[in-house]
Amino acid sequence: MAHKISDACLCCGSCLPECPCDAIKESSPYTIDSSACSDCGACVDSCPAEAIGQA
């Protein structure tokens, strides 16, 4: 199951370099392309707003 970014996203960019699949797209809030997400969870720990979770 892919991860999802909630409206709590600060658009700070902390998650972008953590994603090995380049599944995170810059928007407001950021989004995760579920077809590209490998569900590795690398982005979850990098988010200061705790805005990333299971979809």
C-alpha atoms as a PDB file:
ATOM      1  CA  MET A   1       0.000   0.000   0.000  1.00  0.00           C
ATOM      2  CA  ALA A   2       1.393   3.399  -0.952  1.00  0.00           C
ATOM      3  CA  HIS A   3       1.863   6.279   1.449  1.00  0.00           C
ATOM      4  CA  LYS A   4      -0.175   9.485   1.402  1.00  0.00           C
ATOM      5  CA  ILE A   5       0.581  13.069   2.446  1.00  0.00           C
ATOM      6  CA  SER A   6      -2.109  14.864   4.457  1.00  0.00           C
ATOM      7  CA  ASP A   7      -3.103  18.525   4.544  1.00  0.00           C
ATOM      8  CA  ALA A   8      -0.717  18.935   7.503  1.00  0.00           C
ATOM      9  CA  CYS A   9       2.131  19.046   4.947  1.00  0.00           C
ATOM     10  CA  LEU A  10       4.335  22.125   5.384  1.00  0.00           C
ATOM     11  CA  CYS A  11       5.771  21.838   1.852  1.00  0.00           C
ATOM     12  CA  CYS A  12       9.220  22.076   3.452  1.00  0.00           C
ATOM     13  CA  GLY A  13      10.906  19.585   1.114  1.00  0.00           C
ATOM     14  CA  SER A  14      12.354  17.347   3.833  1.00  0.00           C
ATOM     15  CA  CYS A  15      10.820  14.257   2.255  1.00  0.00           C
ATOM     16  CA  LEU A  16      11.941  14.845  -1.332  1.00  0.00           C
ATOM     17  CA  PRO A  17      15.556  13.629  -1.059  1.00  0.00           C
ATOM     18  CA  GLU A  18      14.480  10.650   1.065  1.00  0.00           C
ATOM     19  CA  CYS A  19      12.295   9.061  -1.618  1.00  0.00           C
ATOM     20  CA  PRO A  20      14.314   6.520  -3.639  1.00  0.00           C
ATOM     21  CA  CYS A  21      11.496   6.280  -6.208  1.00  0.00           C
ATOM     22  CA  ASP A  22      10.999  10.015  -6.849  1.00  0.00           C
ATOM     23  CA  ALA A  23       7.321   9.428  -6.094  1.00  0.00           C
ATOM     24  CA  ILE A  24       6.835  12.683  -4.159  1.00  0.00           C
ATOM     25  CA  LYS A  25       5.635  15.626  -6.223  1.00  0.00           C
ATOM     26  CA  GLU A  26       5.807  19.273  -5.185  1.00  0.00           C
ATOM     27  CA  SER A  27       2.336  20.780  -4.877  1.00  0.00           C
ATOM     28  CA  SER A  28       0.377  22.220  -1.980  1.00  0.00           C
ATOM     29  CA  PRO A  29       0.273  19.898  -0.112  1.00  0.00           C
ATOM     30  CA  TYR A  30       2.880  17.609  -1.637  1.00  0.00           C
ATOM     31  CA  THR A  31       1.523  14.405  -3.157  1.00  0.00           C
ATOM     32  CA  ILE A  32       2.815  10.862  -3.556  1.00  0.00           C
ATOM     33  CA  ASP A  33       2.338   9.046  -6.863  1.00  0.00           C
ATOM     34  CA  SER A  34       0.894   5.768  -5.626  1.00  0.00           C
ATOM     35  CA  SER A  35       1.980   3.931  -8.775  1.00  0.00           C
ATOM     36  CA  ALA A  36       5.617   4.930  -8.153  1.00  0.00           C
ATOM     37  CA  CYS A  37       5.671   4.567  -4.347  1.00  0.00           C
ATOM     38  CA  SER A  38       7.426   1.375  -3.191  1.00  0.00           C
ATOM     39  CA  ASP A  39       6.015   1.706   0.354  1.00  0.00           C
ATOM     40  CA  CYS A  40       9.522   1.829   1.833  1.00  0.00           C
ATOM     41  CA  GLY A  41       8.564   4.457   4.433  1.00  0.00           C
ATOM     42  CA  ALA A  42      11.764   6.493   4.063  1.00  0.00           C
ATOM     43  CA  CYS A  43       9.735   9.692   3.799  1.00  0.00           C
ATOM     44  CA  VAL A  44       7.752   9.119   7.004  1.00  0.00           C
ATOM     45  CA  ASP A  45      10.583   9.747   9.472  1.00  0.00           C
ATOM     46  CA  SER A  46      11.788  12.818   7.570  1.00  0.00           C
ATOM     47  CA  CYS A  47       8.504  14.735   7.901  1.00  0.00           C
ATOM     48  CA  PRO A  48       8.561  17.287  10.746  1.00  0.00           C
ATOM     49  CA  ALA A  49       4.769  17.695  10.542  1.00  0.00           C
ATOM     50  CA  GLU A  50       4.089  13.944  10.685  1.00  0.00           C
ATOM     51  CA  ALA A  51       1.963  14.443   7.565  1.00  0.00           C
ATOM     52  CA  ILE A  52       2.909  11.205   5.823  1.00  0.00           C
ATOM     53  CA  GLY A  53       1.139   7.941   6.542  1.00  0.00           C
ATOM     54  CA  GLN A  54      -0.385   4.850   4.986  1.00  0.00           C
ATOM     55  CA  ALA A  55      -2.986   5.525   2.320  1.00  0.00           C
END
